[in-house]
Amino acid sequence: GATTGGQIWLGVVSGAAFAVLCHALVR
């Protein structure tokens, strides 16, 4: 469908949270 702001924020927040958790685990 059409792109909305909520979908973009979902992608940004979930990607950032996963990256932070992954980096913390690597550390």
mmCIF file of all heavy atoms, coordinates in Angstrom:
data_MODEL
# 
_entry.id   MODEL 
# 
loop_
_atom_site.group_PDB 
_atom_site.id 
_atom_site.type_symbol 
_atom_site.label_atom_id 
_atom_site.label_alt_id 
_atom_site.label_comp_id 
_atom_site.label_asym_id 
_atom_site.label_entity_id 
_atom_site.label_seq_id 
_atom_site.pdbx_PDB_ins_code 
_atom_site.Cartn_x 
_atom_site.Cartn_y 
_atom_site.Cartn_z 
_atom_site.occupancy 
_atom_site.B_iso_or_equiv 
_atom_site.pdbx_formal_charge 
_atom_site.auth_seq_id 
_atom_site.auth_comp_id 
_atom_site.auth_asym_id 
_atom_site.auth_atom_id 
_atom_site.pdbx_PDB_model_num 
ATOM 1   N N   . GLY A 1 1  ? 0.826  -1.211  0.000  1.00 0.00 ? 1  GLY A N   1 
ATOM 2   C CA  . GLY A 1 1  ? 0.000  0.000   0.000  1.00 0.00 ? 1  GLY A CA  1 
ATOM 3   C C   . GLY A 1 1  ? 0.857  1.256   0.000  1.00 0.00 ? 1  GLY A C   1 
ATOM 4   O O   . GLY A 1 1  ? 2.052  1.232   -0.284 1.00 0.00 ? 1  GLY A O   1 
ATOM 5   N N   . ALA A 1 2  ? 0.223  2.342   0.329  1.00 0.00 ? 2  ALA A N   1 
ATOM 6   C CA  . ALA A 1 2  ? 0.921  3.619   0.375  1.00 0.00 ? 2  ALA A CA  1 
ATOM 7   C C   . ALA A 1 2  ? 1.783  3.700   1.640  1.00 0.00 ? 2  ALA A C   1 
ATOM 8   O O   . ALA A 1 2  ? 1.461  3.126   2.668  1.00 0.00 ? 2  ALA A O   1 
ATOM 9   C CB  . ALA A 1 2  ? -0.079 4.768   0.363  1.00 0.00 ? 2  ALA A CB  1 
ATOM 10  N N   . THR A 1 3  ? 2.878  4.406   1.525  1.00 0.00 ? 3  THR A N   1 
ATOM 11  C CA  . THR A 1 3  ? 3.782  4.576   2.654  1.00 0.00 ? 3  THR A CA  1 
ATOM 12  C C   . THR A 1 3  ? 3.243  5.641   3.601  1.00 0.00 ? 3  THR A C   1 
ATOM 13  O O   . THR A 1 3  ? 2.859  6.726   3.177  1.00 0.00 ? 3  THR A O   1 
ATOM 14  C CB  . THR A 1 3  ? 5.174  5.000   2.148  1.00 0.00 ? 3  THR A CB  1 
ATOM 15  O OG1 . THR A 1 3  ? 5.663  3.998   1.253  1.00 0.00 ? 3  THR A OG1 1 
ATOM 16  C CG2 . THR A 1 3  ? 6.136  5.163   3.292  1.00 0.00 ? 3  THR A CG2 1 
ATOM 17  N N   . THR A 1 4  ? 3.237  5.314   4.887  1.00 0.00 ? 4  THR A N   1 
ATOM 18  C CA  . THR A 1 4  ? 2.785  6.272   5.897  1.00 0.00 ? 4  THR A CA  1 
ATOM 19  C C   . THR A 1 4  ? 3.927  6.530   6.877  1.00 0.00 ? 4  THR A C   1 
ATOM 20  O O   . THR A 1 4  ? 4.921  5.794   6.919  1.00 0.00 ? 4  THR A O   1 
ATOM 21  C CB  . THR A 1 4  ? 1.571  5.738   6.669  1.00 0.00 ? 4  THR A CB  1 
ATOM 22  O OG1 . THR A 1 4  ? 1.961  4.559   7.385  1.00 0.00 ? 4  THR A OG1 1 
ATOM 23  C CG2 . THR A 1 4  ? 0.422  5.416   5.736  1.00 0.00 ? 4  THR A CG2 1 
ATOM 24  N N   . GLY A 1 5  ? 3.771  7.564   7.675  1.00 0.00 ? 5  GLY A N   1 
ATOM 25  C CA  . GLY A 1 5  ? 4.787  7.897   8.669  1.00 0.00 ? 5  GLY A CA  1 
ATOM 26  C C   . GLY A 1 5  ? 4.923  6.852   9.748  1.00 0.00 ? 5  GLY A C   1 
ATOM 27  O O   . GLY A 1 5  ? 6.014  6.604   10.251 1.00 0.00 ? 5  GLY A O   1 
ATOM 28  N N   . GLY A 1 6  ? 3.813  6.218   10.103 1.00 0.00 ? 6  GLY A N   1 
ATOM 29  C CA  . GLY A 1 6  ? 3.850  5.170   11.121 1.00 0.00 ? 6  GLY A CA  1 
ATOM 30  C C   . GLY A 1 6  ? 4.674  3.972   10.683 1.00 0.00 ? 6  GLY A C   1 
ATOM 31  O O   . GLY A 1 6  ? 5.385  3.362   11.490 1.00 0.00 ? 6  GLY A O   1 
ATOM 32  N N   . GLN A 1 7  ? 4.579  3.626   9.409  1.00 0.00 ? 7  GLN A N   1 
ATOM 33  C CA  . GLN A 1 7  ? 5.362  2.506   8.889  1.00 0.00 ? 7  GLN A CA  1 
ATOM 34  C C   . GLN A 1 7  ? 6.853  2.834   8.890  1.00 0.00 ? 7  GLN A C   1 
ATOM 35  O O   . GLN A 1 7  ? 7.691  1.985   9.214  1.00 0.00 ? 7  GLN A O   1 
ATOM 36  C CB  . GLN A 1 7  ? 4.910  2.165   7.470  1.00 0.00 ? 7  GLN A CB  1 
ATOM 37  C CG  . GLN A 1 7  ? 3.493  1.680   7.401  1.00 0.00 ? 7  GLN A CG  1 
ATOM 38  C CD  . GLN A 1 7  ? 2.940  1.721   5.990  1.00 0.00 ? 7  GLN A CD  1 
ATOM 39  O OE1 . GLN A 1 7  ? 3.569  2.256   5.072  1.00 0.00 ? 7  GLN A OE1 1 
ATOM 40  N NE2 . GLN A 1 7  ? 1.761  1.156   5.810  1.00 0.00 ? 7  GLN A NE2 1 
ATOM 41  N N   . ILE A 1 8  ? 7.164  4.072   8.543  1.00 0.00 ? 8  ILE A N   1 
ATOM 42  C CA  . ILE A 1 8  ? 8.567  4.477   8.537  1.00 0.00 ? 8  ILE A CA  1 
ATOM 43  C C   . ILE A 1 8  ? 9.124  4.451   9.957  1.00 0.00 ? 8  ILE A C   1 
ATOM 44  O O   . ILE A 1 8  ? 10.223 3.943   10.198 1.00 0.00 ? 8  ILE A O   1 
ATOM 45  C CB  . ILE A 1 8  ? 8.712  5.874   7.904  1.00 0.00 ? 8  ILE A CB  1 
ATOM 46  C CG1 . ILE A 1 8  ? 8.365  5.800   6.415  1.00 0.00 ? 8  ILE A CG1 1 
ATOM 47  C CG2 . ILE A 1 8  ? 10.123 6.425   8.106  1.00 0.00 ? 8  ILE A CG2 1 
ATOM 48  C CD1 . ILE A 1 8  ? 8.285  7.138   5.722  1.00 0.00 ? 8  ILE A CD1 1 
ATOM 49  N N   . TRP A 1 9  ? 8.347  4.992   10.915 1.00 0.00 ? 9  TRP A N   1 
ATOM 50  C CA  . TRP A 1 9  ? 8.812  4.988   12.295 1.00 0.00 ? 9  TRP A CA  1 
ATOM 51  C C   . TRP A 1 9  ? 8.930  3.578   12.849 1.00 0.00 ? 9  TRP A C   1 
ATOM 52  O O   . TRP A 1 9  ? 9.832  3.299   13.646 1.00 0.00 ? 9  TRP A O   1 
ATOM 53  C CB  . TRP A 1 9  ? 7.900  5.833   13.174 1.00 0.00 ? 9  TRP A CB  1 
ATOM 54  C CG  . TRP A 1 9  ? 8.235  7.280   13.095 1.00 0.00 ? 9  TRP A CG  1 
ATOM 55  C CD1 . TRP A 1 9  ? 7.484  8.255   12.520 1.00 0.00 ? 9  TRP A CD1 1 
ATOM 56  C CD2 . TRP A 1 9  ? 9.420  7.911   13.568 1.00 0.00 ? 9  TRP A CD2 1 
ATOM 57  N NE1 . TRP A 1 9  ? 8.134  9.459   12.609 1.00 0.00 ? 9  TRP A NE1 1 
ATOM 58  C CE2 . TRP A 1 9  ? 9.331  9.272   13.253 1.00 0.00 ? 9  TRP A CE2 1 
ATOM 59  C CE3 . TRP A 1 9  ? 10.554 7.457   14.230 1.00 0.00 ? 9  TRP A CE3 1 
ATOM 60  C CZ2 . TRP A 1 9  ? 10.326 10.178  13.581 1.00 0.00 ? 9  TRP A CZ2 1 
ATOM 61  C CZ3 . TRP A 1 9  ? 11.538 8.369   14.553 1.00 0.00 ? 9  TRP A CZ3 1 
ATOM 62  C CH2 . TRP A 1 9  ? 11.417 9.700   14.236 1.00 0.00 ? 9  TRP A CH2 1 
ATOM 63  N N   . LEU A 1 10 ? 8.050  2.691   12.457 1.00 0.00 ? 10 LEU A N   1 
ATOM 64  C CA  . LEU A 1 10 ? 8.159  1.295   12.882 1.00 0.00 ? 10 LEU A CA  1 
ATOM 65  C C   . LEU A 1 10 ? 9.472  0.702   12.402 1.00 0.00 ? 10 LEU A C   1 
ATOM 66  O O   . LEU A 1 10 ? 10.183 0.036   13.162 1.00 0.00 ? 10 LEU A O   1 
ATOM 67  C CB  . LEU A 1 10 ? 6.980  0.470   12.356 1.00 0.00 ? 10 LEU A CB  1 
ATOM 68  C CG  . LEU A 1 10 ? 7.089  -1.035  12.624 1.00 0.00 ? 10 LEU A CG  1 
ATOM 69  C CD1 . LEU A 1 10 ? 6.822  -1.330  14.083 1.00 0.00 ? 10 LEU A CD1 1 
ATOM 70  C CD2 . LEU A 1 10 ? 6.183  -1.808  11.719 1.00 0.00 ? 10 LEU A CD2 1 
ATOM 71  N N   . GLY A 1 11 ? 9.805  0.931   11.155 1.00 0.00 ? 11 GLY A N   1 
ATOM 72  C CA  . GLY A 1 11 ? 11.063 0.412   10.617 1.00 0.00 ? 11 GLY A CA  1 
ATOM 73  C C   . GLY A 1 11 ? 12.277 1.021   11.290 1.00 0.00 ? 11 GLY A C   1 
ATOM 74  O O   . GLY A 1 11 ? 13.237 0.315   11.624 1.00 0.00 ? 11 GLY A O   1 
ATOM 75  N N   . VAL A 1 12 ? 12.253 2.334   11.516 1.00 0.00 ? 12 VAL A N   1 
ATOM 76  C CA  . VAL A 1 12 ? 13.402 3.010   12.128 1.00 0.00 ? 12 VAL A CA  1 
ATOM 77  C C   . VAL A 1 12 ? 13.595 2.559   13.573 1.00 0.00 ? 12 VAL A C   1 
ATOM 78  O O   . VAL A 1 12 ? 14.707 2.215   13.996 1.00 0.00 ? 12 VAL A O   1 
ATOM 79  C CB  . VAL A 1 12 ? 13.230 4.547   12.043 1.00 0.00 ? 12 VAL A CB  1 
ATOM 80  C CG1 . VAL A 1 12 ? 14.253 5.256   12.897 1.00 0.00 ? 12 VAL A CG1 1 
ATOM 81  C CG2 . VAL A 1 12 ? 13.329 5.010   10.603 1.00 0.00 ? 12 VAL A CG2 1 
ATOM 82  N N   . VAL A 1 13 ? 12.512 2.540   14.339 1.00 0.00 ? 13 VAL A N   1 
ATOM 83  C CA  . VAL A 1 13 ? 12.623 2.186   15.759 1.00 0.00 ? 13 VAL A CA  1 
ATOM 84  C C   . VAL A 1 13 ? 12.992 0.712   15.930 1.00 0.00 ? 13 VAL A C   1 
ATOM 85  O O   . VAL A 1 13 ? 13.859 0.370   16.752 1.00 0.00 ? 13 VAL A O   1 
ATOM 86  C CB  . VAL A 1 13 ? 11.315 2.528   16.504 1.00 0.00 ? 13 VAL A CB  1 
ATOM 87  C CG1 . VAL A 1 13 ? 11.310 1.958   17.906 1.00 0.00 ? 13 VAL A CG1 1 
ATOM 88  C CG2 . VAL A 1 13 ? 11.120 4.031   16.534 1.00 0.00 ? 13 VAL A CG2 1 
ATOM 89  N N   . SER A 1 14 ? 12.367 -0.173  15.165 1.00 0.00 ? 14 SER A N   1 
ATOM 90  C CA  . SER A 1 14 ? 12.694 -1.593  15.316 1.00 0.00 ? 14 SER A CA  1 
ATOM 91  C C   . SER A 1 14 ? 14.111 -1.881  14.838 1.00 0.00 ? 14 SER A C   1 
ATOM 92  O O   . SER A 1 14 ? 14.830 -2.669  15.466 1.00 0.00 ? 14 SER A O   1 
ATOM 93  C CB  . SER A 1 14 ? 11.684 -2.466  14.565 1.00 0.00 ? 14 SER A CB  1 
ATOM 94  O OG  . SER A 1 14 ? 11.704 -2.180  13.190 1.00 0.00 ? 14 SER A OG  1 
ATOM 95  N N   . GLY A 1 15 ? 14.553 -1.258  13.775 1.00 0.00 ? 15 GLY A N   1 
ATOM 96  C CA  . GLY A 1 15 ? 15.929 -1.442  13.317 1.00 0.00 ? 15 GLY A CA  1 
ATOM 97  C C   . GLY A 1 15 ? 16.938 -0.888  14.300 1.00 0.00 ? 15 GLY A C   1 
ATOM 98  O O   . GLY A 1 15 ? 17.969 -1.517  14.572 1.00 0.00 ? 15 GLY A O   1 
ATOM 99  N N   . ALA A 1 16 ? 16.657 0.288   14.865 1.00 0.00 ? 16 ALA A N   1 
ATOM 100 C CA  . ALA A 1 16 ? 17.572 0.882   15.838 1.00 0.00 ? 16 ALA A CA  1 
ATOM 101 C C   . ALA A 1 16 ? 17.630 0.050   17.120 1.00 0.00 ? 16 ALA A C   1 
ATOM 102 O O   . ALA A 1 16 ? 18.715 -0.162  17.680 1.00 0.00 ? 16 ALA A O   1 
ATOM 103 C CB  . ALA A 1 16 ? 17.143 2.306   16.151 1.00 0.00 ? 16 ALA A CB  1 
ATOM 104 N N   . ALA A 1 17 ? 16.491 -0.431  17.576 1.00 0.00 ? 17 ALA A N   1 
ATOM 105 C CA  . ALA A 1 17 ? 16.477 -1.254  18.786 1.00 0.00 ? 17 ALA A CA  1 
ATOM 106 C C   . ALA A 1 17 ? 17.244 -2.550  18.577 1.00 0.00 ? 17 ALA A C   1 
ATOM 107 O O   . ALA A 1 17 ? 18.034 -2.974  19.445 1.00 0.00 ? 17 ALA A O   1 
ATOM 108 C CB  . ALA A 1 17 ? 15.034 -1.555  19.192 1.00 0.00 ? 17 ALA A CB  1 
ATOM 109 N N   . PHE A 1 18 ? 17.062 -3.181  17.429 1.00 0.00 ? 18 PHE A N   1 
ATOM 110 C CA  . PHE A 1 18 ? 17.788 -4.417  17.151 1.00 0.00 ? 18 PHE A CA  1 
ATOM 111 C C   . PHE A 1 18 ? 19.283 -4.149  17.036 1.00 0.00 ? 18 PHE A C   1 
ATOM 112 O O   . PHE A 1 18 ? 20.094 -4.940  17.532 1.00 0.00 ? 18 PHE A O   1 
ATOM 113 C CB  . PHE A 1 18 ? 17.257 -5.070  15.872 1.00 0.00 ? 18 PHE A CB  1 
ATOM 114 C CG  . PHE A 1 18 ? 17.930 -6.377  15.562 1.00 0.00 ? 18 PHE A CG  1 
ATOM 115 C CD1 . PHE A 1 18 ? 17.604 -7.511  16.279 1.00 0.00 ? 18 PHE A CD1 1 
ATOM 116 C CD2 . PHE A 1 18 ? 18.880 -6.473  14.568 1.00 0.00 ? 18 PHE A CD2 1 
ATOM 117 C CE1 . PHE A 1 18 ? 18.218 -8.716  16.006 1.00 0.00 ? 18 PHE A CE1 1 
ATOM 118 C CE2 . PHE A 1 18 ? 19.501 -7.668  14.286 1.00 0.00 ? 18 PHE A CE2 1 
ATOM 119 C CZ  . PHE A 1 18 ? 19.167 -8.801  15.011 1.00 0.00 ? 18 PHE A CZ  1 
ATOM 120 N N   . ALA A 1 19 ? 19.662 -3.057  16.397 1.00 0.00 ? 19 ALA A N   1 
ATOM 121 C CA  . ALA A 1 19 ? 21.088 -2.737  16.252 1.00 0.00 ? 19 ALA A CA  1 
ATOM 122 C C   . ALA A 1 19 ? 21.730 -2.468  17.609 1.00 0.00 ? 19 ALA A C   1 
ATOM 123 O O   . ALA A 1 19 ? 22.849 -2.916  17.872 1.00 0.00 ? 19 ALA A O   1 
ATOM 124 C CB  . ALA A 1 19 ? 21.262 -1.533  15.329 1.00 0.00 ? 19 ALA A CB  1 
ATOM 125 N N   . VAL A 1 20 ? 21.029 -1.766  18.488 1.00 0.00 ? 20 VAL A N   1 
ATOM 126 C CA  . VAL A 1 20 ? 21.569 -1.478  19.823 1.00 0.00 ? 20 VAL A CA  1 
ATOM 127 C C   . VAL A 1 20 ? 21.708 -2.774  20.626 1.00 0.00 ? 20 VAL A C   1 
ATOM 128 O O   . VAL A 1 20 ? 22.740 -3.007  21.281 1.00 0.00 ? 20 VAL A O   1 
ATOM 129 C CB  . VAL A 1 20 ? 20.674 -0.457  20.555 1.00 0.00 ? 20 VAL A CB  1 
ATOM 130 C CG1 . VAL A 1 20 ? 20.998 -0.392  22.032 1.00 0.00 ? 20 VAL A CG1 1 
ATOM 131 C CG2 . VAL A 1 20 ? 20.825 0.912   19.915 1.00 0.00 ? 20 VAL A CG2 1 
ATOM 132 N N   . LEU A 1 21 ? 20.697 -3.633  20.597 1.00 0.00 ? 21 LEU A N   1 
ATOM 133 C CA  . LEU A 1 21 ? 20.783 -4.898  21.318 1.00 0.00 ? 21 LEU A CA  1 
ATOM 134 C C   . LEU A 1 21 ? 21.884 -5.795  20.766 1.00 0.00 ? 21 LEU A C   1 
ATOM 135 O O   . LEU A 1 21 ? 22.613 -6.443  21.520 1.00 0.00 ? 21 LEU A O   1 
ATOM 136 C CB  . LEU A 1 21 ? 19.439 -5.623  21.270 1.00 0.00 ? 21 LEU A CB  1 
ATOM 137 C CG  . LEU A 1 21 ? 18.313 -5.014  22.097 1.00 0.00 ? 21 LEU A CG  1 
ATOM 138 C CD1 . LEU A 1 21 ? 16.999 -5.728  21.814 1.00 0.00 ? 21 LEU A CD1 1 
ATOM 139 C CD2 . LEU A 1 21 ? 18.659 -5.084  23.565 1.00 0.00 ? 21 LEU A CD2 1 
ATOM 140 N N   . CYS A 1 22 ? 22.008 -5.825  19.453 1.00 0.00 ? 22 CYS A N   1 
ATOM 141 C CA  . CYS A 1 22 ? 23.040 -6.639  18.821 1.00 0.00 ? 22 CYS A CA  1 
ATOM 142 C C   . CYS A 1 22 ? 24.436 -6.115  19.182 1.00 0.00 ? 22 CYS A C   1 
ATOM 143 O O   . CYS A 1 22 ? 25.339 -6.888  19.491 1.00 0.00 ? 22 CYS A O   1 
ATOM 144 C CB  . CYS A 1 22 ? 22.830 -6.642  17.313 1.00 0.00 ? 22 CYS A CB  1 
ATOM 145 S SG  . CYS A 1 22 ? 23.850 -7.819  16.430 1.00 0.00 ? 22 CYS A SG  1 
ATOM 146 N N   . HIS A 1 23 ? 24.611 -4.799  19.161 1.00 0.00 ? 23 HIS A N   1 
ATOM 147 C CA  . HIS A 1 23 ? 25.907 -4.229  19.515 1.00 0.00 ? 23 HIS A CA  1 
ATOM 148 C C   . HIS A 1 23 ? 26.230 -4.467  20.989 1.00 0.00 ? 23 HIS A C   1 
ATOM 149 O O   . HIS A 1 23 ? 27.377 -4.766  21.333 1.00 0.00 ? 23 HIS A O   1 
ATOM 150 C CB  . HIS A 1 23 ? 25.933 -2.731  19.206 1.00 0.00 ? 23 HIS A CB  1 
ATOM 151 C CG  . HIS A 1 23 ? 27.232 -2.087  19.532 1.00 0.00 ? 23 HIS A CG  1 
ATOM 152 N ND1 . HIS A 1 23 ? 28.381 -2.339  18.816 1.00 0.00 ? 23 HIS A ND1 1 
ATOM 153 C CD2 . HIS A 1 23 ? 27.584 -1.231  20.510 1.00 0.00 ? 23 HIS A CD2 1 
ATOM 154 C CE1 . HIS A 1 23 ? 29.372 -1.655  19.337 1.00 0.00 ? 23 HIS A CE1 1 
ATOM 155 N NE2 . HIS A 1 23 ? 28.907 -0.973  20.368 1.00 0.00 ? 23 HIS A NE2 1 
ATOM 156 N N   . ALA A 1 24 ? 25.231 -4.355  21.853 1.00 0.00 ? 24 ALA A N   1 
ATOM 157 C CA  . ALA A 1 24 ? 25.457 -4.625  23.280 1.00 0.00 ? 24 ALA A CA  1 
ATOM 158 C C   . ALA A 1 24 ? 25.857 -6.076  23.500 1.00 0.00 ? 24 ALA A C   1 
ATOM 159 O O   . ALA A 1 24 ? 26.746 -6.365  24.315 1.00 0.00 ? 24 ALA A O   1 
ATOM 160 C CB  . ALA A 1 24 ? 24.204 -4.294  24.073 1.00 0.00 ? 24 ALA A CB  1 
ATOM 161 N N   . LEU A 1 25 ? 25.252 -6.985  22.776 1.00 0.00 ? 25 LEU A N   1 
ATOM 162 C CA  . LEU A 1 25 ? 25.601 -8.397  22.898 1.00 0.00 ? 25 LEU A CA  1 
ATOM 163 C C   . LEU A 1 25 ? 27.014 -8.654  22.392 1.00 0.00 ? 25 LEU A C   1 
ATOM 164 O O   . LEU A 1 25 ? 27.768 -9.422  22.990 1.00 0.00 ? 25 LEU A O   1 
ATOM 165 C CB  . LEU A 1 25 ? 24.591 -9.272  22.153 1.00 0.00 ? 25 LEU A CB  1 
ATOM 166 C CG  . LEU A 1 25 ? 24.829 -10.777 22.204 1.00 0.00 ? 25 LEU A CG  1 
ATOM 167 C CD1 . LEU A 1 25 ? 24.856 -11.257 23.643 1.00 0.00 ? 25 LEU A CD1 1 
ATOM 168 C CD2 . LEU A 1 25 ? 23.777 -11.505 21.417 1.00 0.00 ? 25 LEU A CD2 1 
ATOM 169 N N   . VAL A 1 26 ? 27.388 -8.006  21.309 1.00 0.00 ? 26 VAL A N   1 
ATOM 170 C CA  . VAL A 1 26 ? 28.746 -8.169  20.787 1.00 0.00 ? 26 VAL A CA  1 
ATOM 171 C C   . VAL A 1 26 ? 29.769 -7.637  21.783 1.00 0.00 ? 26 VAL A C   1 
ATOM 172 O O   . VAL A 1 26 ? 30.846 -8.196  21.946 1.00 0.00 ? 26 VAL A O   1 
ATOM 173 C CB  . VAL A 1 26 ? 28.880 -7.480  19.407 1.00 0.00 ? 26 VAL A CB  1 
ATOM 174 C CG1 . VAL A 1 26 ? 30.320 -7.342  18.984 1.00 0.00 ? 26 VAL A CG1 1 
ATOM 175 C CG2 . VAL A 1 26 ? 28.104 -8.264  18.364 1.00 0.00 ? 26 VAL A CG2 1 
ATOM 176 N N   . ARG A 1 27 ? 29.435 -6.554  22.481 1.00 0.00 ? 27 ARG A N   1 
ATOM 177 C CA  . ARG A 1 27 ? 30.377 -5.959  23.438 1.00 0.00 ? 27 ARG A CA  1 
ATOM 178 C C   . ARG A 1 27 ? 30.598 -6.847  24.668 1.00 0.00 ? 27 ARG A C   1 
ATOM 179 O O   . ARG A 1 27 ? 31.691 -6.869  25.214 1.00 0.00 ? 27 ARG A O   1 
ATOM 180 C CB  . ARG A 1 27 ? 29.865 -4.598  23.903 1.00 0.00 ? 27 ARG A CB  1 
ATOM 181 C CG  . ARG A 1 27 ? 29.816 -3.533  22.863 1.00 0.00 ? 27 ARG A CG  1 
ATOM 182 C CD  . ARG A 1 27 ? 31.176 -2.986  22.567 1.00 0.00 ? 27 ARG A CD  1 
ATOM 183 N NE  . ARG A 1 27 ? 31.811 -2.487  23.760 1.00 0.00 ? 27 ARG A NE  1 
ATOM 184 C CZ  . ARG A 1 27 ? 32.285 -1.283  23.911 1.00 0.00 ? 27 ARG A CZ  1 
ATOM 185 N NH1 . ARG A 1 27 ? 32.198 -0.440  22.924 1.00 0.00 ? 27 ARG A NH1 1 
ATOM 186 N NH2 . ARG A 1 27 ? 32.873 -0.931  25.027 1.00 0.00 ? 27 ARG A NH2 1 
# 
